[in-house]
């Protein structure tokens, strides 16, 4: 069975500052970044279920993909 990643949701990137606390979650792995651009590069290169969060103040889901 071929699973396809599907966009789940998130508020997008336009409300986040470049510098802050960002987490990329993929499976059981959590990656922490202080620059949104670096977090996005890592996030975009993942080909699995994934989520990117802005943890700077209140945790905000920026983008998430899950399998159909």
PDB file of N, CA and C in Angstrom:
ATOM      1  N   UNK A   1       0.841  -1.191   0.000  1.00  0.00           N
ATOM      2  CA  UNK A   1       0.000   0.000   0.000  1.00  0.00           C
ATOM      3  C   UNK A   1       0.881   1.248   0.000  1.00  0.00           C
ATOM      4  N   UNK A   2       0.667   2.119  -0.958  1.00  0.00           N
ATOM      5  CA  UNK A   2       1.429   3.347  -1.075  1.00  0.00           C
ATOM      6  C   UNK A   2       0.715   4.471  -0.328  1.00  0.00           C
ATOM      7  N   UNK A   3       1.329   4.950   0.727  1.00  0.00           N
ATOM      8  CA  UNK A   3       0.736   6.054   1.474  1.00  0.00           C
ATOM      9  C   UNK A   3       1.236   7.368   0.898  1.00  0.00           C
ATOM     10  N   UNK A   4       0.351   8.357   0.871  1.00  0.00           N
ATOM     11  CA  UNK A   4       0.726   9.687   0.414  1.00  0.00           C
ATOM     12  C   UNK A   4       0.604  10.670   1.563  1.00  0.00           C
ATOM     13  N   UNK A   5       1.568  11.576   1.636  1.00  0.00           N
ATOM     14  CA  UNK A   5       1.486  12.628   2.636  1.00  0.00           C
ATOM     15  C   UNK A   5       0.421  13.632   2.218  1.00  0.00           C
ATOM     16  N   UNK A   6      -0.358  14.074   3.189  1.00  0.00           N
ATOM     17  CA  UNK A   6      -1.427  15.039   2.938  1.00  0.00           C
ATOM     18  C   UNK A   6      -1.287  16.182   3.937  1.00  0.00           C
ATOM     19  N   UNK A   7      -1.455  17.394   3.442  1.00  0.00           N
ATOM     20  CA  UNK A   7      -1.392  18.560   4.322  1.00  0.00           C
ATOM     21  C   UNK A   7      -2.516  18.477   5.334  1.00  0.00           C
ATOM     22  N   UNK A   8      -2.178  18.595   6.614  1.00  0.00           N
ATOM     23  CA  UNK A   8      -3.154  18.504   7.692  1.00  0.00           C
ATOM     24  C   UNK A   8      -3.622  19.892   8.135  1.00  0.00           C
ATOM     25  N   UNK A   9      -2.696  20.825   8.258  1.00  0.00           N
ATOM     26  CA  UNK A   9      -3.067  22.174   8.660  1.00  0.00           C
ATOM     27  C   UNK A   9      -1.925  22.917   9.314  1.00  0.00           C
ATOM     28  N   UNK A  10      -2.243  24.068   9.848  1.00  0.00           N
ATOM     29  CA  UNK A  10      -1.277  24.931  10.510  1.00  0.00           C
ATOM     30  C   UNK A  10      -1.535  26.374  10.122  1.00  0.00           C
ATOM     31  N   UNK A  11      -1.029  27.291  10.913  1.00  0.00           N
ATOM     32  CA  UNK A  11      -1.293  28.712  10.683  1.00  0.00           C
ATOM     33  C   UNK A  11      -0.402  29.325   9.617  1.00  0.00           C
ATOM     34  N   UNK A  12       0.620  28.614   9.164  1.00  0.00           N
ATOM     35  CA  UNK A  12       1.534  29.176   8.181  1.00  0.00           C
ATOM     36  C   UNK A  12       2.694  29.881   8.858  1.00  0.00           C
ATOM     37  N   UNK A  13       3.558  30.461   8.062  1.00  0.00           N
ATOM     38  CA  UNK A  13       4.810  31.031   8.574  1.00  0.00           C
ATOM     39  C   UNK A  13       4.791  32.546   8.727  1.00  0.00           C
ATOM     40  N   UNK A  14       3.815  33.209   8.139  1.00  0.00           N
ATOM     41  CA  UNK A  14       3.860  34.677   8.068  1.00  0.00           C
ATOM     42  C   UNK A  14       3.767  35.377   9.419  1.00  0.00           C
ATOM     43  N   UNK A  15       3.262  34.711  10.451  1.00  0.00           N
ATOM     44  CA  UNK A  15       3.121  35.358  11.762  1.00  0.00           C
ATOM     45  C   UNK A  15       4.298  35.082  12.689  1.00  0.00           C
ATOM     46  N   UNK A  16       5.229  34.262  12.264  1.00  0.00           N
ATOM     47  CA  UNK A  16       6.391  33.922  13.087  1.00  0.00           C
ATOM     48  C   UNK A  16       7.587  34.779  12.703  1.00  0.00           C
ATOM     49  N   UNK A  17       8.374  35.143  13.706  1.00  0.00           N
ATOM     50  CA  UNK A  17       9.620  35.866  13.465  1.00  0.00           C
ATOM     51  C   UNK A  17      10.695  34.882  13.028  1.00  0.00           C
ATOM     52  N   UNK A  18      11.735  35.382  12.410  1.00  0.00           N
ATOM     53  CA  UNK A  18      12.843  34.536  11.967  1.00  0.00           C
ATOM     54  C   UNK A  18      13.579  33.924  13.166  1.00  0.00           C
ATOM     55  N   UNK A  19      13.748  34.690  14.226  1.00  0.00           N
ATOM     56  CA  UNK A  19      14.472  34.213  15.408  1.00  0.00           C
ATOM     57  C   UNK A  19      13.462  33.862  16.494  1.00  0.00           C
ATOM     58  N   UNK A  20      13.609  32.685  17.065  1.00  0.00           N
ATOM     59  CA  UNK A  20      12.708  32.223  18.124  1.00  0.00           C
ATOM     60  C   UNK A  20      13.047  30.795  18.502  1.00  0.00           C
ATOM     61  N   UNK A  21      12.052  30.065  18.965  1.00  0.00           N
ATOM     62  CA  UNK A  21      12.214  28.652  19.313  1.00  0.00           C
ATOM     63  C   UNK A  21      11.278  27.847  18.424  1.00  0.00           C
ATOM     64  N   UNK A  22      11.860  26.962  17.623  1.00  0.00           N
ATOM     65  CA  UNK A  22      11.080  26.175  16.671  1.00  0.00           C
ATOM     66  C   UNK A  22      11.395  24.695  16.849  1.00  0.00           C
ATOM     67  N   UNK A  23      10.371  23.878  16.719  1.00  0.00           N
ATOM     68  CA  UNK A  23      10.538  22.434  16.796  1.00  0.00           C
ATOM     69  C   UNK A  23      10.001  21.794  15.531  1.00  0.00           C
ATOM     70  N   UNK A  24      10.769  20.862  15.014  1.00  0.00           N
ATOM     71  CA  UNK A  24      10.324  20.018  13.915  1.00  0.00           C
ATOM     72  C   UNK A  24      10.191  18.620  14.498  1.00  0.00           C
ATOM     73  N   UNK A  25       8.994  18.051  14.376  1.00  0.00           N
ATOM     74  CA  UNK A  25       8.735  16.713  14.900  1.00  0.00           C
ATOM     75  C   UNK A  25       8.478  15.780  13.725  1.00  0.00           C
ATOM     76  N   UNK A  26       9.182  14.644  13.731  1.00  0.00           N
ATOM     77  CA  UNK A  26       9.035  13.632  12.678  1.00  0.00           C
ATOM     78  C   UNK A  26       9.168  12.270  13.344  1.00  0.00           C
ATOM     79  N   UNK A  27       8.067  11.550  13.395  1.00  0.00           N
ATOM     80  CA  UNK A  27       8.077  10.274  14.113  1.00  0.00           C
ATOM     81  C   UNK A  27       8.359  10.518  15.587  1.00  0.00           C
ATOM     82  N   UNK A  28       9.329   9.811  16.136  1.00  0.00           N
ATOM     83  CA  UNK A  28       9.707   9.995  17.543  1.00  0.00           C
ATOM     84  C   UNK A  28      10.810  11.020  17.725  1.00  0.00           C
ATOM     85  N   UNK A  29      11.269  11.607  16.646  1.00  0.00           N
ATOM     86  CA  UNK A  29      12.369  12.562  16.692  1.00  0.00           C
ATOM     87  C   UNK A  29      11.856  13.990  16.823  1.00  0.00           C
ATOM     88  N   UNK A  30      12.567  14.785  17.618  1.00  0.00           N
ATOM     89  CA  UNK A  30      12.262  16.208  17.779  1.00  0.00           C
ATOM     90  C   UNK A  30      13.559  16.976  17.536  1.00  0.00           C
ATOM     91  N   UNK A  31      13.503  17.937  16.631  1.00  0.00           N
ATOM     92  CA  UNK A  31      14.655  18.761  16.286  1.00  0.00           C
ATOM     93  C   UNK A  31      14.354  20.193  16.692  1.00  0.00           C
ATOM     94  N   UNK A  32      15.282  20.842  17.379  1.00  0.00           N
ATOM     95  CA  UNK A  32      15.096  22.207  17.858  1.00  0.00           C
ATOM     96  C   UNK A  32      15.961  23.174  17.061  1.00  0.00           C
ATOM     97  N   UNK A  33      15.387  24.333  16.764  1.00  0.00           N
ATOM     98  CA  UNK A  33      16.063  25.358  15.977  1.00  0.00           C
ATOM     99  C   UNK A  33      15.793  26.723  16.601  1.00  0.00           C
ATOM    100  N   UNK A  34      16.698  27.667  16.355  1.00  0.00           N
ATOM    101  CA  UNK A  34      16.491  29.047  16.799  1.00  0.00           C
ATOM    102  C   UNK A  34      16.190  29.970  15.622  1.00  0.00           C
ATOM    103  N   UNK A  35      16.270  29.440  14.405  1.00  0.00           N
ATOM    104  CA  UNK A  35      15.955  30.218  13.196  1.00  0.00           C
ATOM    105  C   UNK A  35      14.888  29.488  12.398  1.00  0.00           C
ATOM    106  N   UNK A  36      13.853  30.221  12.045  1.00  0.00           N
ATOM    107  CA  UNK A  36      12.754  29.645  11.269  1.00  0.00           C
ATOM    108  C   UNK A  36      13.242  29.126   9.925  1.00  0.00           C
ATOM    109  N   UNK A  37      14.121  29.845   9.264  1.00  0.00           N
ATOM    110  CA  UNK A  37      14.599  29.415   7.948  1.00  0.00           C
ATOM    111  C   UNK A  37      15.302  28.063   8.026  1.00  0.00           C
ATOM    112  N   UNK A  38      16.102  27.826   9.043  1.00  0.00           N
ATOM    113  CA  UNK A  38      16.795  26.537   9.213  1.00  0.00           C
ATOM    114  C   UNK A  38      15.790  25.430   9.526  1.00  0.00           C
ATOM    115  N   UNK A  39      14.802  25.735  10.351  1.00  0.00           N
ATOM    116  CA  UNK A  39      13.772  24.748  10.688  1.00  0.00           C
ATOM    117  C   UNK A  39      12.976  24.371   9.442  1.00  0.00           C
ATOM    118  N   UNK A  40      12.651  25.350   8.622  1.00  0.00           N
ATOM    119  CA  UNK A  40      11.887  25.080   7.398  1.00  0.00           C
ATOM    120  C   UNK A  40      12.670  24.239   6.406  1.00  0.00           C
ATOM    121  N   UNK A  41      13.957  24.481   6.266  1.00  0.00           N
ATOM    122  CA  UNK A  41      14.789  23.672   5.366  1.00  0.00           C
ATOM    123  C   UNK A  41      14.764  22.217   5.812  1.00  0.00           C
ATOM    124  N   UNK A  42      14.955  21.994   7.109  1.00  0.00           N
ATOM    125  CA  UNK A  42      14.929  20.627   7.637  1.00  0.00           C
ATOM    126  C   UNK A  42      13.548  20.005   7.433  1.00  0.00           C
ATOM    127  N   UNK A  43      12.519  20.729   7.770  1.00  0.00           N
ATOM    128  CA  UNK A  43      11.133  20.269   7.638  1.00  0.00           C
ATOM    129  C   UNK A  43      10.805  19.904   6.191  1.00  0.00           C
ATOM    130  N   UNK A  44      11.164  20.771   5.261  1.00  0.00           N
ATOM    131  CA  UNK A  44      10.852  20.550   3.849  1.00  0.00           C
ATOM    132  C   UNK A  44      11.580  19.332   3.273  1.00  0.00           C
ATOM    133  N   UNK A  45      12.711  18.964   3.846  1.00  0.00           N
ATOM    134  CA  UNK A  45      13.477  17.821   3.354  1.00  0.00           C
ATOM    135  C   UNK A  45      12.993  16.485   3.909  1.00  0.00           C
ATOM    136  N   UNK A  46      12.072  16.485   4.852  1.00  0.00           N
ATOM    137  CA  UNK A  46      11.544  15.245   5.419  1.00  0.00           C
ATOM    138  C   UNK A  46      10.443  14.680   4.531  1.00  0.00           C
ATOM    139  N   UNK A  47      10.469  13.392   4.317  1.00  0.00           N
ATOM    140  CA  UNK A  47       9.438  12.736   3.519  1.00  0.00           C
ATOM    141  C   UNK A  47       8.731  11.701   4.395  1.00  0.00           C
ATOM    142  N   UNK A  48       8.113  12.175   5.462  1.00  0.00           N
ATOM    143  CA  UNK A  48       7.386  11.337   6.405  1.00  0.00           C
ATOM    144  C   UNK A  48       6.403  12.230   7.155  1.00  0.00           C
ATOM    145  N   UNK A  49       5.580  11.652   8.021  1.00  0.00           N
ATOM    146  CA  UNK A  49       4.693  12.481   8.830  1.00  0.00           C
ATOM    147  C   UNK A  49       5.551  13.466   9.603  1.00  0.00           C
ATOM    148  N   UNK A  50       5.119  14.726   9.603  1.00  0.00           N
ATOM    149  CA  UNK A  50       5.958  15.766  10.196  1.00  0.00           C
ATOM    150  C   UNK A  50       5.119  16.956  10.620  1.00  0.00           C
ATOM    151  N   UNK A  51       5.665  17.710  11.560  1.00  0.00           N
ATOM    152  CA  UNK A  51       5.021  18.943  12.016  1.00  0.00           C
ATOM    153  C   UNK A  51       6.113  19.937  12.387  1.00  0.00           C
ATOM    154  N   UNK A  52       5.812  21.206  12.184  1.00  0.00           N
ATOM    155  CA  UNK A  52       6.727  22.262  12.591  1.00  0.00           C
ATOM    156  C   UNK A  52       5.956  23.219  13.498  1.00  0.00           C
ATOM    157  N   UNK A  53       6.550  23.515  14.649  1.00  0.00           N
ATOM    158  CA  UNK A  53       5.908  24.319  15.684  1.00  0.00           C
ATOM    159  C   UNK A  53       6.735  25.552  15.996  1.00  0.00           C
ATOM    160  N   UNK A  54       6.072  26.673  16.247  1.00  0.00           N
ATOM    161  CA  UNK A  54       6.706  27.865  16.807  1.00  0.00           C
ATOM    162  C   UNK A  54       6.457  27.798  18.306  1.00  0.00           C
ATOM    163  N   UNK A  55       7.514  27.585  19.069  1.00  0.00           N
ATOM    164  CA  UNK A  55       7.416  27.415  20.517  1.00  0.00           C
ATOM    165  C   UNK A  55       7.856  28.674  21.262  1.00  0.00           C
ATOM    166  N   UNK A  56       8.012  29.790  20.558  1.00  0.00           N
ATOM    167  CA  UNK A  56       8.581  31.002  21.132  1.00  0.00           C
ATOM    168  C   UNK A  56       7.750  31.526  22.306  1.00  0.00           C
ATOM    169  N   UNK A  57       6.460  31.596  22.163  1.00  0.00           N
ATOM    170  CA  UNK A  57       5.601  32.045  23.272  1.00  0.00           C
ATOM    171  C   UNK A  57       4.593  30.939  23.551  1.00  0.00           C
ATOM    172  N   UNK A  58       3.439  31.020  22.948  1.00  0.00           N
ATOM    173  CA  UNK A  58       2.430  29.955  23.043  1.00  0.00           C
ATOM    174  C   UNK A  58       2.676  29.011  21.868  1.00  0.00           C
ATOM    175  N   UNK A  59       2.766  27.700  22.086  1.00  0.00           N
ATOM    176  CA  UNK A  59       3.005  26.792  20.965  1.00  0.00           C
ATOM    177  C   UNK A  59       1.957  26.957  19.857  1.00  0.00           C
ATOM    178  N   UNK A  60       2.450  27.171  18.639  1.00  0.00           N
ATOM    179  CA  UNK A  60       1.584  27.339  17.466  1.00  0.00           C
ATOM    180  C   UNK A  60       2.028  26.365  16.389  1.00  0.00           C
ATOM    181  N   UNK A  61       1.103  25.575  15.885  1.00  0.00           N
ATOM    182  CA  UNK A  61       1.386  24.681  14.776  1.00  0.00           C
ATOM    183  C   UNK A  61       1.484  25.501  13.505  1.00  0.00           C
ATOM    184  N   UNK A  62       2.643  25.442  12.837  1.00  0.00           N
ATOM    185  CA  UNK A  62       2.839  26.201  11.608  1.00  0.00           C
ATOM    186  C   UNK A  62       2.445  25.390  10.385  1.00  0.00           C
ATOM    187  N   UNK A  63       2.784  24.103  10.398  1.00  0.00           N
ATOM    188  CA  UNK A  63       2.463  23.238   9.265  1.00  0.00           C
ATOM    189  C   UNK A  63       2.579  21.791   9.719  1.00  0.00           C
ATOM    190  N   UNK A  64       1.763  20.944   9.109  1.00  0.00           N
ATOM    191  CA  UNK A  64       1.779  19.534   9.478  1.00  0.00           C
ATOM    192  C   UNK A  64       1.328  18.694   8.275  1.00  0.00           C
ATOM    193  N   UNK A  65       2.026  17.600   8.064  1.00  0.00           N
ATOM    194  CA  UNK A  65       1.646  16.623   7.041  1.00  0.00           C
ATOM    195  C   UNK A  65       1.478  15.270   7.706  1.00  0.00           C
ATOM    196  N   UNK A  66       0.471  14.547   7.281  1.00  0.00           N
ATOM    197  CA  UNK A  66       0.205  13.217   7.790  1.00  0.00           C
ATOM    198  C   UNK A  66      -0.126  12.309   6.610  1.00  0.00           C
ATOM    199  N   UNK A  67      -0.072  11.003   6.847  1.00  0.00           N
ATOM    200  CA  UNK A  67      -0.413  10.073   5.773  1.00  0.00           C
ATOM    201  C   UNK A  67      -1.914   9.991   5.604  1.00  0.00           C
ATOM    202  N   UNK A  68      -2.359   9.881   4.355  1.00  0.00           N
ATOM    203  CA  UNK A  68      -3.782   9.704   4.031  1.00  0.00           C
ATOM    204  C   UNK A  68      -4.262   8.387   4.574  1.00  0.00           C
TER     205      UNK A  68
END
